[in-house]
N, C-alpha and C. Protein backbone atom coordinates (compact mmCIF):
# COMPACT_ATOMS: atom_id res chain seq x y z
N MET A 1 87.41 92.75 83.82
CA MET A 1 88.06 92.90 85.16
C MET A 1 86.85 93.52 86.31
N LYS A 2 86.62 93.43 87.61
CA LYS A 2 85.98 93.89 88.30
C LYS A 2 86.81 94.99 89.17
N ILE A 3 86.97 96.26 88.90
CA ILE A 3 87.51 97.40 90.01
C ILE A 3 86.49 98.19 90.75
N LEU A 4 87.17 98.31 92.07
CA LEU A 4 86.87 99.41 93.12
C LEU A 4 87.74 100.43 92.87
N PHE A 5 86.77 101.52 93.10
CA PHE A 5 87.19 102.90 93.21
C PHE A 5 87.15 103.21 94.81
N ASP A 6 88.33 103.73 95.74
CA ASP A 6 87.97 104.41 97.19
C ASP A 6 87.91 105.63 97.07
N GLN A 7 87.42 106.07 98.07
CA GLN A 7 87.14 107.31 98.47
C GLN A 7 87.80 108.32 97.75
N GLY A 8 88.19 109.22 96.96
CA GLY A 8 89.05 110.21 96.95
C GLY A 8 89.26 109.93 95.18
N THR A 9 88.76 108.70 94.84
CA THR A 9 89.15 108.30 93.26
C THR A 9 88.21 109.18 92.54
N PRO A 10 88.18 109.96 91.40
CA PRO A 10 87.57 110.64 90.42
C PRO A 10 86.67 109.65 90.04
N VAL A 11 85.51 109.60 90.50
CA VAL A 11 84.64 108.77 89.53
C VAL A 11 84.18 108.88 88.00
N PRO A 12 84.34 110.34 87.28
CA PRO A 12 84.75 109.94 85.91
C PRO A 12 85.53 109.63 85.30
N LEU A 13 86.67 108.90 86.10
CA LEU A 13 87.42 107.85 85.74
C LEU A 13 87.21 106.92 84.92
N ARG A 14 85.92 106.18 85.61
CA ARG A 14 85.15 104.59 85.32
C ARG A 14 85.18 104.95 83.39
N ARG A 15 84.66 106.14 83.23
CA ARG A 15 84.17 106.59 81.71
C ARG A 15 85.35 106.03 80.93
N PHE A 16 86.51 105.78 81.35
CA PHE A 16 87.87 105.44 80.68
C PHE A 16 88.44 104.32 80.62
N LEU A 17 87.64 103.71 81.23
CA LEU A 17 88.25 102.21 81.69
C LEU A 17 87.14 101.11 80.99
N PRO A 18 86.99 100.90 79.50
CA PRO A 18 86.04 100.08 79.01
C PRO A 18 86.17 98.83 79.25
N GLY A 19 84.93 97.85 79.21
CA GLY A 19 85.52 96.28 79.15
C GLY A 19 85.29 95.91 81.16
N HIS A 20 85.16 97.25 81.67
CA HIS A 20 85.79 96.35 83.14
C HIS A 20 84.25 97.08 83.97
N THR A 21 84.02 96.40 84.63
CA THR A 21 83.19 96.27 85.81
C THR A 21 83.86 97.26 86.76
N VAL A 22 82.93 98.52 86.96
CA VAL A 22 83.74 99.78 88.13
C VAL A 22 82.94 99.90 89.34
N ASN A 23 82.85 99.86 90.22
CA ASN A 23 81.84 100.25 91.46
C ASN A 23 83.08 101.35 92.52
N THR A 24 82.42 101.80 93.01
CA THR A 24 82.88 102.76 94.22
C THR A 24 82.90 102.26 95.56
N ALA A 25 83.87 102.71 96.50
CA ALA A 25 83.27 101.58 97.88
C ALA A 25 81.87 102.59 98.48
N TYR A 26 81.61 104.00 97.80
CA TYR A 26 80.62 104.62 98.34
C TYR A 26 79.32 103.57 97.85
N GLU A 27 79.47 103.45 96.33
CA GLU A 27 77.81 102.87 95.70
C GLU A 27 77.99 101.55 96.59
N ARG A 28 78.70 100.69 97.23
CA ARG A 28 79.02 99.50 97.84
C ARG A 28 78.59 99.36 99.22
N GLY A 29 78.00 100.47 99.60
CA GLY A 29 78.05 101.19 101.19
C GLY A 29 79.19 100.69 101.75
N TRP A 30 80.40 100.99 101.24
CA TRP A 30 81.86 100.62 102.13
C TRP A 30 82.60 102.07 102.59
N SER A 31 82.43 103.20 102.17
CA SER A 31 82.69 104.01 102.18
C SER A 31 83.26 104.12 104.02
N GLU A 32 82.53 103.77 105.27
CA GLU A 32 82.95 103.62 106.46
C GLU A 32 84.24 102.84 106.81
N LEU A 33 84.07 101.53 105.85
CA LEU A 33 84.98 100.86 106.54
C LEU A 33 85.96 101.11 106.59
N SER A 34 87.32 100.72 107.31
CA SER A 34 88.82 100.85 107.02
C SER A 34 89.13 100.42 106.45
N ASN A 35 90.43 100.67 105.64
CA ASN A 35 91.50 100.33 104.91
C ASN A 35 91.65 99.00 104.74
N GLY A 36 91.81 98.12 105.66
CA GLY A 36 91.59 96.60 105.97
C GLY A 36 90.92 95.85 105.72
N ASN A 37 89.72 96.11 106.41
CA ASN A 37 88.40 95.38 106.43
C ASN A 37 87.58 96.00 104.65
N LEU A 38 87.91 97.39 104.15
CA LEU A 38 87.75 97.42 102.51
C LEU A 38 88.54 96.57 101.68
N LEU A 39 89.91 96.67 101.96
CA LEU A 39 90.92 95.53 101.36
C LEU A 39 90.01 94.08 101.41
N THR A 40 89.65 93.56 102.65
CA THR A 40 89.19 92.36 102.72
C THR A 40 88.04 92.32 102.06
N ARG A 41 87.11 92.74 102.43
CA ARG A 41 85.60 92.87 101.63
C ARG A 41 85.57 92.68 100.18
N ALA A 42 86.58 93.80 99.57
CA ALA A 42 86.74 93.91 98.15
C ALA A 42 87.31 92.59 97.73
N GLU A 43 88.42 91.88 98.30
CA GLU A 43 88.82 90.61 97.72
C GLU A 43 87.76 89.19 97.87
N GLN A 44 87.05 89.66 98.80
CA GLN A 44 85.87 88.72 98.83
C GLN A 44 85.12 88.86 98.49
N ASP A 45 84.88 89.63 97.45
CA ASP A 45 83.79 90.24 96.51
C ASP A 45 84.06 90.14 95.13
N GLY A 46 85.85 89.48 95.04
CA GLY A 46 86.39 89.67 93.52
C GLY A 46 86.71 90.77 93.06
N TYR A 47 86.81 91.84 93.57
CA TYR A 47 87.93 93.06 92.87
C TYR A 47 88.60 92.68 92.18
N GLU A 48 89.24 93.12 91.41
CA GLU A 48 90.88 92.51 91.05
C GLU A 48 91.87 93.61 91.53
N PRO A 49 91.37 94.93 90.89
CA PRO A 49 92.46 96.05 91.97
C PRO A 49 91.80 97.19 92.53
N LEU A 50 91.94 97.44 93.21
CA LEU A 50 91.65 98.79 94.09
C LEU A 50 92.00 99.63 93.35
N ILE A 51 91.50 101.09 93.01
CA ILE A 51 91.98 102.34 92.79
C ILE A 51 91.45 103.14 93.91
N THR A 52 92.95 103.83 94.39
CA THR A 52 92.64 105.03 95.56
C THR A 52 93.60 106.16 95.22
N THR A 53 93.77 106.94 96.02
CA THR A 53 94.10 108.09 95.74
C THR A 53 95.00 108.36 97.54
N ASP A 54 94.99 107.16 98.33
CA ASP A 54 95.24 107.09 99.63
C ASP A 54 96.85 106.47 99.47
N ARG A 55 97.91 107.57 99.53
CA ARG A 55 99.10 107.52 99.62
C ARG A 55 99.85 106.89 100.85
N ASN A 56 99.09 106.59 101.74
CA ASN A 56 99.70 106.23 102.97
C ASN A 56 99.51 104.55 103.30
N LEU A 57 98.63 104.02 102.25
CA LEU A 57 97.72 102.69 102.70
C LEU A 57 98.95 101.72 102.71
N ARG A 58 100.21 101.49 101.94
CA ARG A 58 100.84 100.83 101.81
C ARG A 58 101.69 100.65 103.25
N TYR A 59 101.87 102.15 103.89
CA TYR A 59 102.90 102.11 105.19
C TYR A 59 101.61 101.52 106.23
N GLU A 60 100.74 102.06 105.98
CA GLU A 60 99.49 101.13 106.95
C GLU A 60 98.90 99.69 106.90
N GLN A 61 98.94 99.28 105.78
CA GLN A 61 98.52 98.06 105.79
C GLN A 61 99.90 97.38 105.41
N ASN A 62 99.57 95.79 106.00
CA ASN A 62 100.37 94.74 105.24
C ASN A 62 99.98 94.17 103.76
N LEU A 63 100.37 94.25 102.99
CA LEU A 63 100.03 93.98 101.56
C LEU A 63 100.08 92.79 101.15
N ALA A 64 101.22 92.00 101.84
CA ALA A 64 102.49 91.08 101.35
C ALA A 64 101.36 89.55 101.26
N ASN A 65 99.80 89.60 101.72
CA ASN A 65 99.24 88.41 101.36
C ASN A 65 98.21 88.44 100.49
N ARG A 66 98.05 89.64 100.27
CA ARG A 66 96.77 90.42 99.40
C ARG A 66 96.57 89.78 97.81
N LYS A 67 95.56 89.26 97.73
CA LYS A 67 95.17 89.13 96.23
C LYS A 67 95.13 90.16 95.45
N ILE A 68 94.35 91.33 96.01
CA ILE A 68 93.63 92.67 95.48
C ILE A 68 95.11 93.24 95.08
N ALA A 69 95.11 93.68 93.80
CA ALA A 69 96.54 94.78 93.38
C ALA A 69 95.80 96.00 93.49
N ILE A 70 96.60 97.02 93.95
CA ILE A 70 96.43 97.92 94.83
C ILE A 70 96.87 99.17 93.58
N ILE A 71 96.07 100.10 93.29
CA ILE A 71 96.89 101.23 91.77
C ILE A 71 96.74 102.61 92.72
N VAL A 72 97.74 103.53 93.37
CA VAL A 72 97.49 104.73 93.85
C VAL A 72 97.69 105.64 92.91
N LEU A 73 96.80 106.46 92.86
CA LEU A 73 96.97 108.04 91.81
C LEU A 73 97.09 108.50 92.35
N MET A 74 98.47 109.47 92.41
CA MET A 74 99.33 110.66 93.32
C MET A 74 98.60 111.74 93.40
N THR A 75 97.36 111.89 92.85
CA THR A 75 96.94 113.46 93.08
C THR A 75 95.60 112.89 92.88
N THR A 76 94.42 113.89 93.11
CA THR A 76 93.11 113.70 93.27
C THR A 76 92.96 114.60 92.41
N SER A 77 93.56 115.19 91.60
CA SER A 77 93.29 116.07 90.40
C SER A 77 92.57 115.94 89.46
N TRP A 78 90.96 115.55 89.02
CA TRP A 78 90.49 115.12 87.95
C TRP A 78 91.30 115.72 86.51
N PRO A 79 91.11 117.08 86.76
CA PRO A 79 92.26 117.67 85.41
C PRO A 79 93.10 116.86 84.84
N ARG A 80 94.23 116.94 85.99
CA ARG A 80 95.56 116.11 85.73
C ARG A 80 95.14 114.66 85.47
N ILE A 81 94.53 114.34 86.15
CA ILE A 81 94.21 112.48 85.70
C ILE A 81 93.42 112.72 84.45
N GLN A 82 92.51 113.35 83.80
CA GLN A 82 92.12 112.96 82.89
C GLN A 82 92.97 113.37 81.54
N GLN A 83 94.09 114.18 81.88
CA GLN A 83 95.21 114.15 80.52
C GLN A 83 95.80 112.83 80.86
N GLN A 84 95.93 111.69 81.60
CA GLN A 84 96.52 110.56 81.88
C GLN A 84 95.76 109.58 81.57
N THR A 85 94.69 109.80 81.27
CA THR A 85 93.57 108.19 81.13
C THR A 85 94.26 107.30 80.56
N ASP A 86 94.69 107.57 79.07
CA ASP A 86 95.61 106.48 78.44
C ASP A 86 96.63 105.62 79.06
N ARG A 87 97.37 106.45 79.92
CA ARG A 87 98.74 105.01 81.25
C ARG A 87 97.61 104.71 82.17
N VAL A 88 96.58 105.50 82.58
CA VAL A 88 96.24 104.73 83.53
C VAL A 88 95.44 103.47 83.07
N GLN A 89 94.93 103.46 82.00
CA GLN A 89 94.37 102.09 81.42
C GLN A 89 95.46 101.02 81.10
N THR A 90 96.54 101.65 80.78
CA THR A 90 97.24 100.77 80.19
C THR A 90 97.53 100.12 81.55
N ILE A 91 97.82 100.59 82.45
CA ILE A 91 98.65 100.24 83.67
C ILE A 91 97.56 99.52 84.54
N VAL A 92 95.70 99.91 84.76
CA VAL A 92 94.58 98.86 84.85
C VAL A 92 95.49 97.61 84.49
N ASP A 93 94.89 97.63 82.95
CA ASP A 93 95.04 96.16 82.24
C ASP A 93 95.86 95.35 82.35
N ALA A 94 97.37 96.06 82.96
CA ALA A 94 98.68 95.15 83.17
C ALA A 94 98.20 94.70 84.44
N ILE A 95 98.19 95.02 85.33
CA ILE A 95 98.34 94.79 87.08
C ILE A 95 98.22 93.48 87.35
N GLN A 96 98.77 93.08 87.68
CA GLN A 96 98.69 91.80 88.05
C GLN A 96 98.15 91.53 89.83
N PRO A 97 97.87 90.43 90.14
CA PRO A 97 97.19 90.22 91.64
C PRO A 97 98.08 90.36 92.63
N GLY A 98 97.74 91.19 93.82
CA GLY A 98 98.51 91.38 94.80
C GLY A 98 99.75 92.32 94.54
N THR A 99 99.81 93.03 93.11
CA THR A 99 100.76 94.25 93.00
C THR A 99 100.19 95.19 93.73
N TYR A 100 101.15 96.17 93.66
CA TYR A 100 100.90 97.56 93.99
C TYR A 100 101.87 98.28 93.02
N GLN A 101 100.86 99.01 92.75
CA GLN A 101 101.86 100.51 91.57
C GLN A 101 101.35 101.89 92.02
N GLU A 102 101.82 102.71 91.97
CA GLU A 102 101.54 104.16 91.81
C GLU A 102 101.90 104.77 90.77
N ILE A 103 101.26 105.67 90.13
CA ILE A 103 100.91 106.76 88.86
C ILE A 103 101.12 107.69 89.71
N PHE A 104 102.36 108.29 88.93
CA PHE A 104 102.32 109.71 89.30
C PHE A 104 101.89 110.51 88.08
N ILE A 105 101.38 111.54 88.33
CA ILE A 105 100.72 112.23 87.35
C ILE A 105 101.43 113.66 87.80
N GLU A 106 101.81 114.36 86.80
CA GLU A 106 102.38 115.88 86.98
C GLU A 106 101.25 116.71 86.55
C-alpha cells in the first residue's frame, strides 16, 4: 500500500508500517499544497491512505467523493504514538478506500 504522511505526522512511524511504501508530503514537494489540493494530488499519484494530525480536515474538506482514506492521529506526540504503533498498523492494514478514521492516543 502506498501511504502519504501529511505535515505533523511523526516520520519515525514509517518504520512501524512494514510492507508499505511511505512518503511524506515534504519529500514529494507538496508541503505548500492546501489540504484539498494535497488530497487530489495524493489520489492522482495512487496513495491509498493519508495519515495526518490535522483534526480539522474533515470539517474543512468535503470528503464524500474521495477515493483516498484519511487516518487522523489525534496527537503529534511521537512518544505517545510510539506506544500505539501496533494499533496504528492494524488500522492502516484494514482501512478501506474513501473512509475516515480517527485514532485517539492517550
